[in-house]
Protein backbone atom coordinates (compact mmCIF):
# COMPACT_ATOMS: atom_id res chain seq x y z
CA MET A 1 -1.13 6.14 12.71
CA ALA A 2 2.13 5.11 14.34
CA CYS A 3 5.19 3.24 13.19
CA ASP A 4 6.07 -0.30 14.14
CA THR A 5 9.68 -0.55 15.27
CA LYS A 6 10.55 -3.18 12.69
CA LEU A 7 13.38 -1.06 11.27
CA PRO A 8 15.76 1.56 12.70
CA GLN A 9 14.56 5.05 11.92
CA PRO A 10 17.23 7.62 11.15
CA ALA A 11 16.12 11.22 10.71
CA GLY A 12 17.57 14.28 9.04
CA PRO A 13 20.57 14.48 6.72
CA ASP A 14 23.31 11.86 6.75
CA PRO A 15 27.01 12.81 6.84
CA ALA A 16 27.00 13.15 3.03
CA GLY A 17 24.18 15.67 3.26
CA GLU A 18 21.36 13.44 1.94
CA THR A 19 18.03 13.98 3.69
CA SER A 20 15.80 11.19 4.94
CA ALA A 21 13.25 12.09 2.27
CA ALA A 22 15.83 11.78 -0.51
CA ARG A 23 16.97 8.43 0.88
CA ALA A 24 13.37 7.25 1.19
CA ALA A 25 12.71 8.09 -2.47
CA ARG A 26 15.54 5.99 -3.94
CA ARG A 27 13.32 3.04 -4.93
CA PRO A 28 9.68 2.42 -5.93
CA ILE A 29 7.37 2.17 -2.89
CA THR A 30 4.29 -0.07 -2.79
CA LEU A 31 1.61 0.40 -0.12
CA ILE A 32 -0.26 -2.75 0.87
CA GLY A 33 -2.93 -3.62 3.44
CA LEU A 34 -6.62 -4.24 3.89
CA MET A 35 -9.31 -2.01 2.42
CA GLY A 36 -9.69 1.09 4.56
CA ALA A 37 -6.06 1.07 5.71
CA GLY A 38 -5.46 4.41 3.97
CA LYS A 39 -3.26 3.30 1.08
CA THR A 40 -4.57 5.87 -1.41
CA THR A 41 -4.91 8.76 1.04
CA VAL A 42 -1.50 8.19 2.61
CA GLY A 43 0.04 7.34 -0.75
CA LYS A 44 -0.88 10.68 -2.29
CA ARG A 45 0.53 12.59 0.66
CA LEU A 46 3.66 10.46 0.76
CA ALA A 47 4.30 11.01 -2.95
CA ALA A 48 3.92 14.76 -2.48
CA ARG A 49 6.36 14.76 0.45
CA LEU A 50 8.92 12.74 -1.53
CA ASN A 51 8.32 14.60 -4.80
CA LEU A 52 7.47 11.32 -6.56
CA PRO A 53 4.64 10.32 -8.91
CA PHE A 54 1.64 8.60 -7.30
CA VAL A 55 -0.35 5.82 -8.99
CA ASP A 56 -3.36 3.91 -7.71
CA ALA A 57 -3.43 0.37 -9.11
CA ASP A 58 -7.24 0.08 -8.89
CA ALA A 59 -7.68 3.36 -10.78
CA GLU A 60 -5.25 2.14 -13.45
CA ILE A 61 -7.19 -1.13 -13.76
CA GLU A 62 -10.41 0.83 -14.25
CA ILE A 63 -8.80 2.98 -16.95
CA ALA A 64 -7.36 -0.07 -18.75
CA SER A 65 -10.64 -2.03 -18.63
CA GLY A 66 -13.14 0.80 -19.05
CA MET A 67 -15.05 -0.61 -16.06
CA THR A 68 -15.11 -0.02 -12.32
CA VAL A 69 -13.57 -2.61 -10.00
CA SER A 70 -17.08 -3.51 -8.79
CA GLU A 71 -18.24 -4.04 -12.39
CA ILE A 72 -15.25 -6.29 -13.15
CA PHE A 73 -15.98 -8.40 -10.05
CA ALA A 74 -19.69 -8.65 -10.89
CA ARG A 75 -19.21 -9.45 -14.57
CA PHE A 76 -16.09 -11.62 -14.63
CA GLY A 77 -15.35 -12.64 -11.02
CA GLU A 78 -12.43 -12.15 -8.69
CA ALA A 79 -9.99 -14.49 -10.50
CA HIS A 80 -10.30 -12.46 -13.71
CA PHE A 81 -9.80 -9.24 -11.76
CA ARG A 82 -6.66 -10.56 -10.02
CA ASP A 83 -5.13 -11.56 -13.34
CA GLY A 84 -5.68 -8.07 -14.74
CA GLU A 85 -4.44 -6.56 -11.49
CA ARG A 86 -1.18 -8.53 -11.72
CA ARG A 87 -0.57 -7.30 -15.28
CA VAL A 88 -1.29 -3.67 -14.40
CA ILE A 89 0.97 -3.74 -11.33
CA ALA A 90 3.76 -5.34 -13.41
CA ARG A 91 3.44 -2.42 -15.84
CA LEU A 92 3.47 0.16 -13.04
CA ILE A 93 6.63 -1.30 -11.48
CA ASP A 94 8.96 -0.06 -14.20
CA GLY A 95 12.04 0.64 -12.07
CA GLN A 96 11.32 4.34 -11.69
CA PRO A 97 10.83 5.61 -8.11
CA LYS A 98 7.15 6.27 -7.43
CA VAL A 99 4.47 5.53 -4.82
CA ILE A 100 2.02 2.78 -5.77
CA ALA A 101 -1.19 2.11 -3.84
CA THR A 102 -2.52 -1.42 -4.39
CA GLY A 103 -5.86 -3.05 -3.76
CA GLY A 104 -6.20 -5.11 -0.59
CA GLY A 105 -5.91 -8.47 -2.37
CA ALA A 106 -3.00 -7.64 -4.68
CA PHE A 107 -0.22 -8.71 -2.32
CA ILE A 108 -2.02 -11.99 -1.55
CA ALA A 109 -1.48 -13.32 -5.09
CA ALA A 110 1.91 -15.06 -5.05
CA ASP A 111 3.13 -13.76 -8.43
CA THR A 112 2.16 -10.17 -7.64
CA ARG A 113 3.66 -10.41 -4.14
CA ARG A 114 6.96 -11.70 -5.52
CA LEU A 115 7.10 -8.84 -8.03
CA ILE A 116 6.39 -6.24 -5.34
CA LEU A 117 8.97 -7.65 -2.92
CA GLU A 118 11.68 -8.03 -5.56
CA ARG A 119 11.30 -4.69 -7.31
CA THR A 120 9.90 -2.25 -4.74
CA ILE A 121 9.86 -1.59 -1.00
CA ALA A 122 6.55 -2.81 0.38
CA VAL A 123 4.97 -0.84 3.23
CA TRP A 124 2.13 -2.56 5.11
CA LEU A 125 -0.42 -0.11 6.49
CA ASP A 126 -1.96 -2.12 9.32
CA ALA A 127 -5.12 -1.03 11.14
CA ASP A 128 -7.42 -2.63 13.69
CA ILE A 129 -10.83 -3.87 12.57
CA ALA A 130 -12.82 -1.09 14.27
CA THR A 131 -10.77 1.56 12.44
CA LEU A 132 -11.17 -0.23 9.11
CA VAL A 133 -14.94 -0.62 9.55
CA GLU A 134 -15.34 3.06 10.32
CA ARG A 135 -13.36 4.00 7.21
CA VAL A 136 -14.96 1.59 4.73
CA ARG A 137 -18.45 2.71 5.69
CA ARG A 138 -17.66 6.02 3.95
CA ARG A 139 -17.67 4.26 0.56
CA ASN A 140 -20.12 1.71 -0.87
CA THR A 141 -18.02 0.68 -3.89
CA ARG A 142 -16.09 -2.22 -2.37
CA PRO A 143 -17.16 -5.47 -4.05
CA LEU A 144 -16.06 -7.80 -1.25
CA LEU A 145 -18.38 -5.96 1.15
CA ALA A 146 -21.47 -5.92 -1.06
CA GLY A 147 -24.48 -6.96 1.06
CA ARG A 148 -22.31 -8.18 3.93
CA ASP A 149 -21.34 -7.05 7.42
CA PRO A 150 -18.07 -5.07 7.11
CA GLY A 151 -16.75 -6.12 10.52
CA GLU A 152 -17.27 -9.80 9.81
CA VAL A 153 -15.74 -9.60 6.32
CA LEU A 154 -12.74 -7.57 7.48
CA SER A 155 -12.10 -9.90 10.42
CA GLN A 156 -12.09 -12.89 8.08
CA LEU A 157 -9.82 -11.12 5.58
CA ALA A 158 -7.42 -10.03 8.32
CA ALA A 159 -7.09 -13.59 9.61
CA VAL A 160 -6.05 -14.80 6.17
CA ARG A 161 -4.16 -11.81 4.81
CA ASN A 162 -2.28 -10.29 7.75
CA PRO A 163 0.27 -13.13 7.97
CA ILE A 164 1.00 -12.55 4.26
CA TYR A 165 1.14 -8.75 4.59
CA ALA A 166 3.72 -9.39 7.33
CA GLU A 167 6.20 -10.40 4.61
CA ALA A 168 6.56 -6.68 3.84
CA PRO A 169 9.83 -5.26 5.22
CA ILE A 170 8.04 -2.24 6.72
CA ARG A 171 4.88 -2.20 8.85
CA ILE A 172 3.15 1.02 9.86
CA ALA A 173 0.40 0.70 12.47
CA SER A 174 -2.48 2.74 11.10
CA ARG A 175 -4.20 4.55 13.97
CA ALA A 176 -6.04 7.82 14.44
CA ALA A 177 -3.21 10.33 14.40
CA PRO A 178 -2.23 13.34 12.30
CA HIS A 179 -1.12 12.43 8.77
CA GLN A 180 2.17 14.20 9.44
CA GLU A 181 3.09 11.59 12.08
CA THR A 182 2.29 8.73 9.73
CA LEU A 183 4.29 10.23 6.90
CA ASP A 184 7.26 10.93 9.16
CA ALA A 185 7.20 7.30 10.34
CA ILE A 186 7.03 5.91 6.79
CA ILE A 187 9.79 8.17 5.52
CA ALA A 188 12.09 7.28 8.43
CA ALA A 189 11.53 3.56 7.87
CA LEU A 190 12.07 3.87 4.11
CA ALA A 191 15.25 5.87 4.63
CA ALA A 192 16.58 3.16 6.94
CA ALA A 193 15.68 0.43 4.45
CA ASN A 194 17.46 2.34 1.67
CA ALA A 195 20.57 3.20 3.67
CA ASP A 196 22.70 0.67 1.80
CA HIS A 197 20.93 0.96 -1.55
CA GLN A 198 22.60 3.22 -4.07
CA PRO A 199 20.34 4.91 -6.64
């Protein structure tokens, strides 16, 4: 993974002695992007680096509903799932700094997107289709891929969703690279975004 140069990227302590990690952790952080972009994997590592709590919105939805995401889709449909997803994410965004991994469609819903943009820093993990296909094939629990060709589905989703993901203030290009590089890039971009934000 590598960082898009959408924001300046300071590193190390500032003149007041605050580190980039401390600056990066000033506000809640929401990871967005297509399935397979690495939101949960990267999110857990990012939270550990920043010494913040990590929450996965899909996991919280499953706990709240007592069903898996796939079961909710199959039984009630996507619209019902998105409504529950919006309510869970609103609960998770409580003003306390943390790292939140969202499902691929969360940011597409206007109400959820507005909440994320107003009350957190959104980080778009962006990956090419080939990378996403290779990653999603490791799991067979994704309802939007059930019985369908992953490359075709992901290409269609990217065409619709990527212009909306681009509203996030930070974009990280998700490529095959050591996790350390990805985390360094995210932390630098977050620190830059928080430079004028006082905790």
